[in-house]
């Protein structure tokens, strides 16, 4: 990341949706960018919605508007649909984390939701 930053890259997109599972690694990545904040910096991360460790929250709040975008793969809050798509998710924690991000950060949020009725065939 340092080499890319040194060459002028200011838009970084992390497409590993497990970014927030290992708080130590996620914190190191966020610290790297917090130390190099400038008005051109833009970071995109994919997040697992029901896991947002305090170590990451403590860092996320320091990013200014326009610097962070989170793609959050909620898919659904319906337990029956979650079972059909093999999605295990703590809905209470997911909602809690989405509310916290909206209320306490400047991050732009994309929450992916299923647009059709899962489990019904189209013939």
PDB file of N, CA and C in Angstrom:
ATOM      1  N   UNK A   1       0.831  -1.181   0.000  1.00  0.00           N
ATOM      2  CA  UNK A   1       0.000   0.000   0.000  1.00  0.00           C
ATOM      3  C   UNK A   1       0.874   1.243   0.000  1.00  0.00           C
ATOM      4  N   UNK A   2       2.002   1.142   0.705  1.00  0.00           N
ATOM      5  CA  UNK A   2       2.884   2.306   0.767  1.00  0.00           C
ATOM      6  C   UNK A   2       3.402   2.671  -0.617  1.00  0.00           C
ATOM      7  N   UNK A   3       3.800   1.671  -1.384  1.00  0.00           N
ATOM      8  CA  UNK A   3       4.309   1.962  -2.739  1.00  0.00           C
ATOM      9  C   UNK A   3       3.242   2.612  -3.602  1.00  0.00           C
ATOM     10  N   UNK A   4       2.035   2.103  -3.539  1.00  0.00           N
ATOM     11  CA  UNK A   4       0.938   2.694  -4.313  1.00  0.00           C
ATOM     12  C   UNK A   4       0.673   4.127  -3.862  1.00  0.00           C
ATOM     13  N   UNK A   5       0.654   4.332  -2.572  1.00  0.00           N
ATOM     14  CA  UNK A   5       0.436   5.680  -2.030  1.00  0.00           C
ATOM     15  C   UNK A   5       1.555   6.621  -2.472  1.00  0.00           C
ATOM     16  N   UNK A   6       2.782   6.147  -2.415  1.00  0.00           N
ATOM     17  CA  UNK A   6       3.922   6.962  -2.834  1.00  0.00           C
ATOM     18  C   UNK A   6       3.837   7.350  -4.307  1.00  0.00           C
ATOM     19  N   UNK A   7       3.197   6.499  -5.108  1.00  0.00           N
ATOM     20  CA  UNK A   7       3.063   6.774  -6.544  1.00  0.00           C
ATOM     21  C   UNK A   7       1.837   7.634  -6.851  1.00  0.00           C
ATOM     22  N   UNK A   8       1.117   8.051  -5.814  1.00  0.00           N
ATOM     23  CA  UNK A   8      -0.005   8.967  -6.005  1.00  0.00           C
ATOM     24  C   UNK A   8      -1.383   8.356  -5.980  1.00  0.00           C
ATOM     25  N   UNK A   9      -1.479   7.055  -5.754  1.00  0.00           N
ATOM     26  CA  UNK A   9      -2.802   6.427  -5.688  1.00  0.00           C
ATOM     27  C   UNK A   9      -3.520   6.920  -4.434  1.00  0.00           C
ATOM     28  N   UNK A  10      -4.771   7.355  -4.612  1.00  0.00           N
ATOM     29  CA  UNK A  10      -5.563   7.828  -3.482  1.00  0.00           C
ATOM     30  C   UNK A  10      -6.928   7.147  -3.398  1.00  0.00           C
ATOM     31  N   UNK A  11      -7.218   6.284  -4.363  1.00  0.00           N
ATOM     32  CA  UNK A  11      -8.469   5.500  -4.338  1.00  0.00           C
ATOM     33  C   UNK A  11      -8.097   4.033  -4.172  1.00  0.00           C
ATOM     34  N   UNK A  12      -8.527   3.461  -3.064  1.00  0.00           N
ATOM     35  CA  UNK A  12      -8.237   2.064  -2.760  1.00  0.00           C
ATOM     36  C   UNK A  12      -9.547   1.325  -2.545  1.00  0.00           C
ATOM     37  N   UNK A  13      -9.690   0.167  -3.186  1.00  0.00           N
ATOM     38  CA  UNK A  13     -10.898  -0.639  -3.051  1.00  0.00           C
ATOM     39  C   UNK A  13     -10.516  -2.020  -2.545  1.00  0.00           C
ATOM     40  N   UNK A  14     -10.975  -2.336  -1.350  1.00  0.00           N
ATOM     41  CA  UNK A  14     -10.711  -3.633  -0.726  1.00  0.00           C
ATOM     42  C   UNK A  14     -11.957  -4.489  -0.914  1.00  0.00           C
ATOM     43  N   UNK A  15     -11.848  -5.534  -1.719  1.00  0.00           N
ATOM     44  CA  UNK A  15     -13.017  -6.339  -2.054  1.00  0.00           C
ATOM     45  C   UNK A  15     -13.113  -7.639  -1.258  1.00  0.00           C
ATOM     46  N   UNK A  16     -12.257  -7.826  -0.293  1.00  0.00           N
ATOM     47  CA  UNK A  16     -12.330  -8.984   0.592  1.00  0.00           C
ATOM     48  C   UNK A  16     -13.381  -8.677   1.654  1.00  0.00           C
ATOM     49  N   UNK A  17     -14.531  -9.356   1.591  1.00  0.00           N
ATOM     50  CA  UNK A  17     -15.605  -9.025   2.514  1.00  0.00           C
ATOM     51  C   UNK A  17     -15.312  -9.449   3.949  1.00  0.00           C
ATOM     52  N   UNK A  18     -14.162 -10.061   4.191  1.00  0.00           N
ATOM     53  CA  UNK A  18     -13.801 -10.437   5.560  1.00  0.00           C
ATOM     54  C   UNK A  18     -12.870  -9.404   6.199  1.00  0.00           C
ATOM     55  N   UNK A  19     -12.742  -8.241   5.592  1.00  0.00           N
ATOM     56  CA  UNK A  19     -11.876  -7.183   6.103  1.00  0.00           C
ATOM     57  C   UNK A  19     -12.076  -6.949   7.599  1.00  0.00           C
ATOM     58  N   UNK A  20     -13.308  -6.958   8.052  1.00  0.00           N
ATOM     59  CA  UNK A  20     -13.603  -6.603   9.436  1.00  0.00           C
ATOM     60  C   UNK A  20     -13.603  -7.796  10.399  1.00  0.00           C
ATOM     61  N   UNK A  21     -13.296  -8.993   9.926  1.00  0.00           N
ATOM     62  CA  UNK A  21     -13.283 -10.153  10.828  1.00  0.00           C
ATOM     63  C   UNK A  21     -12.048 -10.196  11.708  1.00  0.00           C
ATOM     64  N   UNK A  22     -10.907  -9.815  11.174  1.00  0.00           N
ATOM     65  CA  UNK A  22      -9.676  -9.776  11.956  1.00  0.00           C
ATOM     66  C   UNK A  22      -9.421  -8.324  12.338  1.00  0.00           C
ATOM     67  N   UNK A  23      -9.785  -7.977  13.562  1.00  0.00           N
ATOM     68  CA  UNK A  23      -9.706  -6.586  14.009  1.00  0.00           C
ATOM     69  C   UNK A  23      -8.275  -6.043  13.964  1.00  0.00           C
ATOM     70  N   UNK A  24      -7.287  -6.877  14.242  1.00  0.00           N
ATOM     71  CA  UNK A  24      -5.899  -6.400  14.228  1.00  0.00           C
ATOM     72  C   UNK A  24      -5.470  -5.996  12.820  1.00  0.00           C
ATOM     73  N   UNK A  25      -5.796  -6.824  11.855  1.00  0.00           N
ATOM     74  CA  UNK A  25      -5.429  -6.517  10.471  1.00  0.00           C
ATOM     75  C   UNK A  25      -6.220  -5.307   9.974  1.00  0.00           C
ATOM     76  N   UNK A  26      -7.517  -5.295  10.222  1.00  0.00           N
ATOM     77  CA  UNK A  26      -8.345  -4.170   9.816  1.00  0.00           C
ATOM     78  C   UNK A  26      -7.879  -2.869  10.443  1.00  0.00           C
ATOM     79  N   UNK A  27      -7.513  -2.913  11.712  1.00  0.00           N
ATOM     80  CA  UNK A  27      -7.027  -1.718  12.407  1.00  0.00           C
ATOM     81  C   UNK A  27      -5.714  -1.227  11.801  1.00  0.00           C
ATOM     82  N   UNK A  28      -4.833  -2.145  11.441  1.00  0.00           N
ATOM     83  CA  UNK A  28      -3.555  -1.746  10.822  1.00  0.00           C
ATOM     84  C   UNK A  28      -3.791  -1.055   9.483  1.00  0.00           C
ATOM     85  N   UNK A  29      -4.742  -1.570   8.712  1.00  0.00           N
ATOM     86  CA  UNK A  29      -5.052  -0.961   7.420  1.00  0.00           C
ATOM     87  C   UNK A  29      -5.628   0.440   7.635  1.00  0.00           C
ATOM     88  N   UNK A  30      -6.585   0.560   8.542  1.00  0.00           N
ATOM     89  CA  UNK A  30      -7.181   1.875   8.803  1.00  0.00           C
ATOM     90  C   UNK A  30      -6.149   2.851   9.365  1.00  0.00           C
ATOM     91  N   UNK A  31      -5.280   2.381  10.254  1.00  0.00           N
ATOM     92  CA  UNK A  31      -4.218   3.246  10.801  1.00  0.00           C
ATOM     93  C   UNK A  31      -3.296   3.756   9.702  1.00  0.00           C
ATOM     94  N   UNK A  32      -2.962   2.877   8.764  1.00  0.00           N
ATOM     95  CA  UNK A  32      -2.109   3.276   7.643  1.00  0.00           C
ATOM     96  C   UNK A  32      -2.698   4.495   6.940  1.00  0.00           C
ATOM     97  N   UNK A  33      -3.991   4.434   6.652  1.00  0.00           N
ATOM     98  CA  UNK A  33      -4.623   5.530   5.927  1.00  0.00           C
ATOM     99  C   UNK A  33      -4.901   6.741   6.808  1.00  0.00           C
ATOM    100  N   UNK A  34      -5.193   6.534   8.070  1.00  0.00           N
ATOM    101  CA  UNK A  34      -5.391   7.677   8.970  1.00  0.00           C
ATOM    102  C   UNK A  34      -4.115   8.513   9.072  1.00  0.00           C
ATOM    103  N   UNK A  35      -2.967   7.859   9.020  1.00  0.00           N
ATOM    104  CA  UNK A  35      -1.689   8.569   9.084  1.00  0.00           C
ATOM    105  C   UNK A  35      -1.395   9.335   7.795  1.00  0.00           C
ATOM    106  N   UNK A  36      -2.135   9.031   6.729  1.00  0.00           N
ATOM    107  CA  UNK A  36      -1.875   9.645   5.418  1.00  0.00           C
ATOM    108  C   UNK A  36      -3.110  10.356   4.861  1.00  0.00           C
ATOM    109  N   UNK A  37      -4.013  10.735   5.726  1.00  0.00           N
ATOM    110  CA  UNK A  37      -5.243  11.387   5.277  1.00  0.00           C
ATOM    111  C   UNK A  37      -4.945  12.639   4.459  1.00  0.00           C
ATOM    112  N   UNK A  38      -5.632  12.759   3.336  1.00  0.00           N
ATOM    113  CA  UNK A  38      -5.656  14.021   2.600  1.00  0.00           C
ATOM    114  C   UNK A  38      -7.005  14.111   1.899  1.00  0.00           C
ATOM    115  N   UNK A  39      -7.313  15.227   1.320  1.00  0.00           N
ATOM    116  CA  UNK A  39      -8.638  15.460   0.742  1.00  0.00           C
ATOM    117  C   UNK A  39      -8.940  14.569  -0.462  1.00  0.00           C
ATOM    118  N   UNK A  40      -7.947  13.923  -1.021  1.00  0.00           N
ATOM    119  CA  UNK A  40      -8.166  13.058  -2.192  1.00  0.00           C
ATOM    120  C   UNK A  40      -8.368  11.588  -1.836  1.00  0.00           C
ATOM    121  N   UNK A  41      -8.139  11.220  -0.597  1.00  0.00           N
ATOM    122  CA  UNK A  41      -8.205   9.821  -0.186  1.00  0.00           C
ATOM    123  C   UNK A  41      -9.637   9.292  -0.246  1.00  0.00           C
ATOM    124  N   UNK A  42      -9.808   8.132  -0.878  1.00  0.00           N
ATOM    125  CA  UNK A  42     -11.100   7.447  -0.931  1.00  0.00           C
ATOM    126  C   UNK A  42     -10.854   5.962  -0.721  1.00  0.00           C
ATOM    127  N   UNK A  43     -11.535   5.383   0.253  1.00  0.00           N
ATOM    128  CA  UNK A  43     -11.375   3.975   0.595  1.00  0.00           C
ATOM    129  C   UNK A  43     -12.713   3.260   0.526  1.00  0.00           C
ATOM    130  N   UNK A  44     -12.719   2.117  -0.122  1.00  0.00           N
ATOM    131  CA  UNK A  44     -13.917   1.285  -0.228  1.00  0.00           C
ATOM    132  C   UNK A  44     -13.607  -0.050   0.432  1.00  0.00           C
ATOM    133  N   UNK A  45     -14.467  -0.454   1.362  1.00  0.00           N
ATOM    134  CA  UNK A  45     -14.312  -1.738   2.039  1.00  0.00           C
ATOM    135  C   UNK A  45     -15.618  -2.507   1.971  1.00  0.00           C
ATOM    136  N   UNK A  46     -15.518  -3.812   1.835  1.00  0.00           N
ATOM    137  CA  UNK A  46     -16.681  -4.677   1.968  1.00  0.00           C
ATOM    138  C   UNK A  46     -16.675  -5.220   3.388  1.00  0.00           C
ATOM    139  N   UNK A  47     -17.847  -5.207   4.019  1.00  0.00           N
ATOM    140  CA  UNK A  47     -17.950  -5.614   5.416  1.00  0.00           C
ATOM    141  C   UNK A  47     -18.957  -6.735   5.596  1.00  0.00           C
ATOM    142  N   UNK A  48     -18.676  -7.597   6.553  1.00  0.00           N
ATOM    143  CA  UNK A  48     -19.671  -8.554   7.033  1.00  0.00           C
ATOM    144  C   UNK A  48     -20.499  -7.784   8.056  1.00  0.00           C
ATOM    145  N   UNK A  49     -21.820  -7.736   7.877  1.00  0.00           N
ATOM    146  CA  UNK A  49     -22.644  -6.777   8.615  1.00  0.00           C
ATOM    147  C   UNK A  49     -22.791  -6.992  10.113  1.00  0.00           C
ATOM    148  N   UNK A  50     -22.662  -8.225  10.590  1.00  0.00           N
ATOM    149  CA  UNK A  50     -22.913  -8.433  12.019  1.00  0.00           C
ATOM    150  C   UNK A  50     -21.628  -8.490  12.846  1.00  0.00           C
ATOM    151  N   UNK A  51     -20.543  -8.000  12.277  1.00  0.00           N
ATOM    152  CA  UNK A  51     -19.261  -8.028  12.983  1.00  0.00           C
ATOM    153  C   UNK A  51     -18.539  -6.686  12.775  1.00  0.00           C
ATOM    154  N   UNK A  52     -18.549  -5.856  13.807  1.00  0.00           N
ATOM    155  CA  UNK A  52     -17.854  -4.573  13.728  1.00  0.00           C
ATOM    156  C   UNK A  52     -17.165  -4.316  15.071  1.00  0.00           C
ATOM    157  N   UNK A  53     -15.945  -4.802  15.201  1.00  0.00           N
ATOM    158  CA  UNK A  53     -15.218  -4.694  16.472  1.00  0.00           C
ATOM    159  C   UNK A  53     -14.952  -3.248  16.891  1.00  0.00           C
ATOM    160  N   UNK A  54     -14.875  -3.044  18.179  1.00  0.00           N
ATOM    161  CA  UNK A  54     -14.605  -1.707  18.729  1.00  0.00           C
ATOM    162  C   UNK A  54     -13.318  -1.114  18.175  1.00  0.00           C
ATOM    163  N   UNK A  55     -12.302  -1.947  17.978  1.00  0.00           N
ATOM    164  CA  UNK A  55     -11.026  -1.446  17.450  1.00  0.00           C
ATOM    165  C   UNK A  55     -11.213  -0.773  16.098  1.00  0.00           C
ATOM    166  N   UNK A  56     -12.131  -1.281  15.276  1.00  0.00           N
ATOM    167  CA  UNK A  56     -12.390  -0.665  13.976  1.00  0.00           C
ATOM    168  C   UNK A  56     -13.265   0.569  14.137  1.00  0.00           C
ATOM    169  N   UNK A  57     -14.267   0.496  15.004  1.00  0.00           N
ATOM    170  CA  UNK A  57     -15.127   1.654  15.253  1.00  0.00           C
ATOM    171  C   UNK A  57     -14.303   2.861  15.712  1.00  0.00           C
ATOM    172  N   UNK A  58     -13.348   2.605  16.604  1.00  0.00           N
ATOM    173  CA  UNK A  58     -12.501   3.679  17.136  1.00  0.00           C
ATOM    174  C   UNK A  58     -11.749   4.409  16.031  1.00  0.00           C
ATOM    175  N   UNK A  59     -11.466   3.735  14.955  1.00  0.00           N
ATOM    176  CA  UNK A  59     -10.726   4.336  13.844  1.00  0.00           C
ATOM    177  C   UNK A  59     -11.652   4.935  12.794  1.00  0.00           C
ATOM    178  N   UNK A  60     -12.742   4.253  12.513  1.00  0.00           N
ATOM    179  CA  UNK A  60     -13.673   4.700  11.470  1.00  0.00           C
ATOM    180  C   UNK A  60     -14.197   6.105  11.749  1.00  0.00           C
ATOM    181  N   UNK A  61     -14.437   6.427  13.010  1.00  0.00           N
ATOM    182  CA  UNK A  61     -15.001   7.743  13.356  1.00  0.00           C
ATOM    183  C   UNK A  61     -14.069   8.901  13.000  1.00  0.00           C
ATOM    184  N   UNK A  62     -12.807   8.628  12.752  1.00  0.00           N
ATOM    185  CA  UNK A  62     -11.840   9.690  12.462  1.00  0.00           C
ATOM    186  C   UNK A  62     -11.740  10.053  10.980  1.00  0.00           C
ATOM    187  N   UNK A  63     -12.407   9.297  10.126  1.00  0.00           N
ATOM    188  CA  UNK A  63     -12.342   9.599   8.700  1.00  0.00           C
ATOM    189  C   UNK A  63     -13.350  10.687   8.345  1.00  0.00           C
ATOM    190  N   UNK A  64     -12.944  11.654   7.540  1.00  0.00           N
ATOM    191  CA  UNK A  64     -13.846  12.757   7.174  1.00  0.00           C
ATOM    192  C   UNK A  64     -14.866  12.333   6.112  1.00  0.00           C
ATOM    193  N   UNK A  65     -15.873  13.153   5.885  1.00  0.00           N
ATOM    194  CA  UNK A  65     -16.848  12.870   4.833  1.00  0.00           C
ATOM    195  C   UNK A  65     -16.153  12.664   3.484  1.00  0.00           C
ATOM    196  N   UNK A  66     -16.642  11.675   2.742  1.00  0.00           N
ATOM    197  CA  UNK A  66     -16.106  11.403   1.415  1.00  0.00           C
ATOM    198  C   UNK A  66     -14.910  10.478   1.376  1.00  0.00           C
ATOM    199  N   UNK A  67     -14.374  10.099   2.530  1.00  0.00           N
ATOM    200  CA  UNK A  67     -13.171   9.263   2.550  1.00  0.00           C
ATOM    201  C   UNK A  67     -13.483   7.769   2.606  1.00  0.00           C
ATOM    202  N   UNK A  68     -14.618   7.395   3.200  1.00  0.00           N
ATOM    203  CA  UNK A  68     -14.935   5.981   3.396  1.00  0.00           C
ATOM    204  C   UNK A  68     -16.249   5.592   2.736  1.00  0.00           C
ATOM    205  N   UNK A  69     -16.227   4.419   2.131  1.00  0.00           N
ATOM    206  CA  UNK A  69     -17.451   3.817   1.616  1.00  0.00           C
ATOM    207  C   UNK A  69     -17.442   2.359   2.037  1.00  0.00           C
ATOM    208  N   UNK A  70     -18.556   1.905   2.596  1.00  0.00           N
ATOM    209  CA  UNK A  70     -18.679   0.510   3.003  1.00  0.00           C
ATOM    210  C   UNK A  70     -19.772  -0.173   2.191  1.00  0.00           C
ATOM    211  N   UNK A  71     -19.419  -1.300   1.620  1.00  0.00           N
ATOM    212  CA  UNK A  71     -20.400  -2.161   0.966  1.00  0.00           C
ATOM    213  C   UNK A  71     -20.705  -3.264   1.963  1.00  0.00           C
ATOM    214  N   UNK A  72     -21.952  -3.316   2.385  1.00  0.00           N
ATOM    215  CA  UNK A  72     -22.340  -4.197   3.479  1.00  0.00           C
ATOM    216  C   UNK A  72     -23.336  -5.228   2.951  1.00  0.00           C
ATOM    217  N   UNK A  73     -22.926  -6.468   2.897  1.00  0.00           N
ATOM    218  CA  UNK A  73     -23.741  -7.521   2.309  1.00  0.00           C
ATOM    219  C   UNK A  73     -24.798  -8.063   3.241  1.00  0.00           C
ATOM    220  N   UNK A  74     -25.832  -7.287   3.479  1.00  0.00           N
ATOM    221  CA  UNK A  74     -26.916  -7.738   4.344  1.00  0.00           C
ATOM    222  C   UNK A  74     -27.706  -8.851   3.662  1.00  0.00           C
ATOM    223  N   UNK A  75     -28.075  -8.672   2.425  1.00  0.00           N
ATOM    224  CA  UNK A  75     -28.889  -9.577   1.619  1.00  0.00           C
ATOM    225  C   UNK A  75     -30.343  -9.600   2.072  1.00  0.00           C
ATOM    226  N   UNK A  76     -30.603  -9.925   3.352  1.00  0.00           N
ATOM    227  CA  UNK A  76     -31.978 -10.003   3.844  1.00  0.00           C
ATOM    228  C   UNK A  76     -31.980 -10.037   5.366  1.00  0.00           C
ATOM    229  N   UNK A  77     -33.103  -9.630   5.946  1.00  0.00           N
ATOM    230  CA  UNK A  77     -33.317  -9.781   7.389  1.00  0.00           C
ATOM    231  C   UNK A  77     -34.314 -10.906   7.661  1.00  0.00           C
ATOM    232  N   UNK A  78     -34.795 -11.559   6.622  1.00  0.00           N
ATOM    233  CA  UNK A  78     -35.785 -12.619   6.746  1.00  0.00           C
ATOM    234  C   UNK A  78     -35.075 -13.950   7.018  1.00  0.00           C
ATOM    235  N   UNK A  79     -35.292 -14.553   8.199  1.00  0.00           N
ATOM    236  CA  UNK A  79     -34.602 -15.805   8.538  1.00  0.00           C
ATOM    237  C   UNK A  79     -34.860 -16.946   7.545  1.00  0.00           C
ATOM    238  N   UNK A  80     -36.064 -17.024   6.994  1.00  0.00           N
ATOM    239  CA  UNK A  80     -36.366 -18.088   6.024  1.00  0.00           C
ATOM    240  C   UNK A  80     -35.542 -17.899   4.757  1.00  0.00           C
ATOM    241  N   UNK A  81     -35.435 -16.674   4.296  1.00  0.00           N
ATOM    242  CA  UNK A  81     -34.634 -16.390   3.105  1.00  0.00           C
ATOM    243  C   UNK A  81     -33.156 -16.592   3.419  1.00  0.00           C
ATOM    244  N   UNK A  82     -32.728 -16.198   4.605  1.00  0.00           N
ATOM    245  CA  UNK A  82     -31.336 -16.423   4.998  1.00  0.00           C
ATOM    246  C   UNK A  82     -30.992 -17.903   4.921  1.00  0.00           C
ATOM    247  N   UNK A  83     -31.893 -18.751   5.356  1.00  0.00           N
ATOM    248  CA  UNK A  83     -31.655 -20.194   5.294  1.00  0.00           C
ATOM    249  C   UNK A  83     -31.577 -20.668   3.845  1.00  0.00           C
ATOM    250  N   UNK A  84     -32.444 -20.137   2.988  1.00  0.00           N
ATOM    251  CA  UNK A  84     -32.446 -20.536   1.578  1.00  0.00           C
ATOM    252  C   UNK A  84     -31.157 -20.155   0.856  1.00  0.00           C
ATOM    253  N   UNK A  85     -30.537 -19.057   1.264  1.00  0.00           N
ATOM    254  CA  UNK A  85     -29.315 -18.610   0.597  1.00  0.00           C
ATOM    255  C   UNK A  85     -28.059 -18.935   1.406  1.00  0.00           C
ATOM    256  N   UNK A  86     -28.222 -19.768   2.427  1.00  0.00           N
ATOM    257  CA  UNK A  86     -27.109 -20.190   3.290  1.00  0.00           C
ATOM    258  C   UNK A  86     -26.382 -19.005   3.906  1.00  0.00           C
ATOM    259  N   UNK A  87     -27.140 -18.073   4.425  1.00  0.00           N
ATOM    260  CA  UNK A  87     -26.575 -16.873   5.055  1.00  0.00           C
ATOM    261  C   UNK A  87     -26.845 -16.938   6.547  1.00  0.00           C
ATOM    262  N   UNK A  88     -25.781 -17.005   7.331  1.00  0.00           N
ATOM    263  CA  UNK A  88     -25.921 -16.953   8.786  1.00  0.00           C
ATOM    264  C   UNK A  88     -25.573 -15.533   9.213  1.00  0.00           C
ATOM    265  N   UNK A  89     -26.520 -14.901   9.871  1.00  0.00           N
ATOM    266  CA  UNK A  89     -26.331 -13.494  10.234  1.00  0.00           C
ATOM    267  C   UNK A  89     -27.111 -13.190  11.505  1.00  0.00           C
ATOM    268  N   UNK A  90     -26.482 -12.488  12.403  1.00  0.00           N
ATOM    269  CA  UNK A  90     -27.163 -12.019  13.604  1.00  0.00           C
ATOM    270  C   UNK A  90     -27.863 -10.711  13.234  1.00  0.00           C
ATOM    271  N   UNK A  91     -29.178 -10.787  13.042  1.00  0.00           N
ATOM    272  CA  UNK A  91     -29.927  -9.620  12.572  1.00  0.00           C
ATOM    273  C   UNK A  91     -29.887  -8.459  13.554  1.00  0.00           C
ATOM    274  N   UNK A  92     -29.906  -8.749  14.844  1.00  0.00           N
ATOM    275  CA  UNK A  92     -29.857  -7.683  15.851  1.00  0.00           C
ATOM    276  C   UNK A  92     -28.532  -6.925  15.758  1.00  0.00           C
ATOM    277  N   UNK A  93     -27.435  -7.667  15.665  1.00  0.00           N
ATOM    278  CA  UNK A  93     -26.124  -7.014  15.553  1.00  0.00           C
ATOM    279  C   UNK A  93     -25.982  -6.277  14.230  1.00  0.00           C
ATOM    280  N   UNK A  94     -26.515  -6.848  13.169  1.00  0.00           N
ATOM    281  CA  UNK A  94     -26.457  -6.181  11.867  1.00  0.00           C
ATOM    282  C   UNK A  94     -27.150  -4.836  11.934  1.00  0.00           C
ATOM    283  N   UNK A  95     -28.361  -4.825  12.460  1.00  0.00           N
ATOM    284  CA  UNK A  95     -29.098  -3.558  12.575  1.00  0.00           C
ATOM    285  C   UNK A  95     -28.365  -2.577  13.492  1.00  0.00           C
ATOM    286  N   UNK A  96     -27.845  -3.070  14.596  1.00  0.00           N
ATOM    287  CA  UNK A  96     -27.089  -2.230  15.536  1.00  0.00           C
ATOM    288  C   UNK A  96     -25.884  -1.585  14.844  1.00  0.00           C
ATOM    289  N   UNK A  97     -25.148  -2.350  14.052  1.00  0.00           N
ATOM    290  CA  UNK A  97     -23.963  -1.828  13.371  1.00  0.00           C
ATOM    291  C   UNK A  97     -24.327  -0.836  12.267  1.00  0.00           C
ATOM    292  N   UNK A  98     -25.383  -1.120  11.523  1.00  0.00           N
ATOM    293  CA  UNK A  98     -25.821  -0.171  10.499  1.00  0.00           C
ATOM    294  C   UNK A  98     -26.239   1.152  11.127  1.00  0.00           C
ATOM    295  N   UNK A  99     -26.988   1.081  12.213  1.00  0.00           N
ATOM    296  CA  UNK A  99     -27.404   2.322  12.905  1.00  0.00           C
ATOM    297  C   UNK A  99     -26.189   3.081  13.432  1.00  0.00           C
ATOM    298  N   UNK A 100     -25.241   2.363  14.016  1.00  0.00           N
ATOM    299  CA  UNK A 100     -24.047   3.023  14.549  1.00  0.00           C
ATOM    300  C   UNK A 100     -23.274   3.727  13.428  1.00  0.00           C
ATOM    301  N   UNK A 101     -23.083   3.039  12.320  1.00  0.00           N
ATOM    302  CA  UNK A 101     -22.361   3.648  11.193  1.00  0.00           C
ATOM    303  C   UNK A 101     -23.064   4.910  10.704  1.00  0.00           C
ATOM    304  N   UNK A 102     -24.385   4.864  10.628  1.00  0.00           N
ATOM    305  CA  UNK A 102     -25.139   6.040  10.167  1.00  0.00           C
ATOM    306  C   UNK A 102     -25.080   7.184  11.169  1.00  0.00           C
ATOM    307  N   UNK A 103     -25.116   6.881  12.439  1.00  0.00           N
ATOM    308  CA  UNK A 103     -25.200   7.911  13.467  1.00  0.00           C
ATOM    309  C   UNK A 103     -23.855   8.480  13.900  1.00  0.00           C
ATOM    310  N   UNK A 104     -22.786   7.712  13.729  1.00  0.00           N
ATOM    311  CA  UNK A 104     -21.508   8.122  14.319  1.00  0.00           C
ATOM    312  C   UNK A 104     -20.367   8.298  13.331  1.00  0.00           C
ATOM    313  N   UNK A 105     -20.626   8.052  12.042  1.00  0.00           N
ATOM    314  CA  UNK A 105     -19.542   8.172  11.075  1.00  0.00           C
ATOM    315  C   UNK A 105     -19.997   8.977   9.863  1.00  0.00           C
ATOM    316  N   UNK A 106     -19.037   9.317   9.036  1.00  0.00           N
ATOM    317  CA  UNK A 106     -19.315   9.991   7.772  1.00  0.00           C
ATOM    318  C   UNK A 106     -19.239   9.019   6.597  1.00  0.00           C
ATOM    319  N   UNK A 107     -19.180   7.730   6.887  1.00  0.00           N
ATOM    320  CA  UNK A 107     -19.033   6.722   5.834  1.00  0.00           C
ATOM    321  C   UNK A 107     -20.277   6.674   4.950  1.00  0.00           C
ATOM    322  N   UNK A 108     -20.036   6.500   3.664  1.00  0.00           N
ATOM    323  CA  UNK A 108     -21.123   6.265   2.707  1.00  0.00           C
ATOM    324  C   UNK A 108     -21.417   4.768   2.735  1.00  0.00           C
ATOM    325  N   UNK A 109     -22.687   4.393   2.891  1.00  0.00           N
ATOM    326  CA  UNK A 109     -23.043   2.985   3.057  1.00  0.00           C
ATOM    327  C   UNK A 109     -23.828   2.453   1.868  1.00  0.00           C
ATOM    328  N   UNK A 110     -23.444   1.262   1.432  1.00  0.00           N
ATOM    329  CA  UNK A 110     -24.196   0.493   0.442  1.00  0.00           C
ATOM    330  C   UNK A 110     -24.577  -0.806   1.137  1.00  0.00           C
ATOM    331  N   UNK A 111     -25.871  -1.029   1.338  1.00  0.00           N
ATOM    332  CA  UNK A 111     -26.325  -2.273   1.953  1.00  0.00           C
ATOM    333  C   UNK A 111     -27.001  -3.114   0.874  1.00  0.00           C
ATOM    334  N   UNK A 112     -26.369  -4.206   0.495  1.00  0.00           N
ATOM    335  CA  UNK A 112     -26.904  -5.082  -0.543  1.00  0.00           C
ATOM    336  C   UNK A 112     -28.115  -5.847  -0.011  1.00  0.00           C
ATOM    337  N   UNK A 113     -29.213  -5.784  -0.749  1.00  0.00           N
ATOM    338  CA  UNK A 113     -30.419  -6.518  -0.385  1.00  0.00           C
ATOM    339  C   UNK A 113     -30.905  -7.324  -1.584  1.00  0.00           C
ATOM    340  N   UNK A 114     -31.507  -8.472  -1.315  1.00  0.00           N
ATOM    341  CA  UNK A 114     -32.062  -9.301  -2.383  1.00  0.00           C
ATOM    342  C   UNK A 114     -33.313  -8.611  -2.921  1.00  0.00           C
ATOM    343  N   UNK A 115     -33.430  -8.547  -4.237  1.00  0.00           N
ATOM    344  CA  UNK A 115     -34.536  -7.820  -4.862  1.00  0.00           C
ATOM    345  C   UNK A 115     -35.675  -8.738  -5.311  1.00  0.00           C
ATOM    346  N   UNK A 116     -35.555 -10.025  -5.135  1.00  0.00           N
ATOM    347  CA  UNK A 116     -36.606 -10.933  -5.566  1.00  0.00           C
ATOM    348  C   UNK A 116     -36.890 -11.969  -4.497  1.00  0.00           C
ATOM    349  N   UNK A 117     -37.979 -12.686  -4.635  1.00  0.00           N
ATOM    350  CA  UNK A 117     -38.338 -13.693  -3.621  1.00  0.00           C
ATOM    351  C   UNK A 117     -37.480 -14.950  -3.766  1.00  0.00           C
ATOM    352  N   UNK A 118     -36.557 -15.135  -2.861  1.00  0.00           N
ATOM    353  CA  UNK A 118     -35.696 -16.324  -2.899  1.00  0.00           C
ATOM    354  C   UNK A 118     -36.526 -17.576  -2.675  1.00  0.00           C
ATOM    355  N   UNK A 119     -36.164 -18.635  -3.376  1.00  0.00           N
ATOM    356  CA  UNK A 119     -36.826 -19.901  -3.198  1.00  0.00           C
ATOM    357  C   UNK A 119     -37.964 -20.153  -4.180  1.00  0.00           C
ATOM    358  N   UNK A 120     -38.326 -19.171  -4.941  1.00  0.00           N
ATOM    359  CA  UNK A 120     -39.387 -19.350  -5.928  1.00  0.00           C
ATOM    360  C   UNK A 120     -38.769 -19.478  -7.308  1.00  0.00           C
ATOM    361  N   UNK A 121     -39.117 -20.524  -7.992  1.00  0.00           N
ATOM    362  CA  UNK A 121     -38.580 -20.739  -9.328  1.00  0.00           C
ATOM    363  C   UNK A 121     -39.245 -19.851 -10.351  1.00  0.00           C
ATOM    364  N   UNK A 122     -38.515 -19.530 -11.384  1.00  0.00           N
ATOM    365  CA  UNK A 122     -39.059 -18.736 -12.497  1.00  0.00           C
ATOM    366  C   UNK A 122     -39.180 -19.673 -13.688  1.00  0.00           C
ATOM    367  N   UNK A 123     -40.403 -19.928 -14.131  1.00  0.00           N
ATOM    368  CA  UNK A 123     -40.567 -20.819 -15.269  1.00  0.00           C
ATOM    369  C   UNK A 123     -41.375 -20.183 -16.364  1.00  0.00           C
TER     370      UNK A 123
END
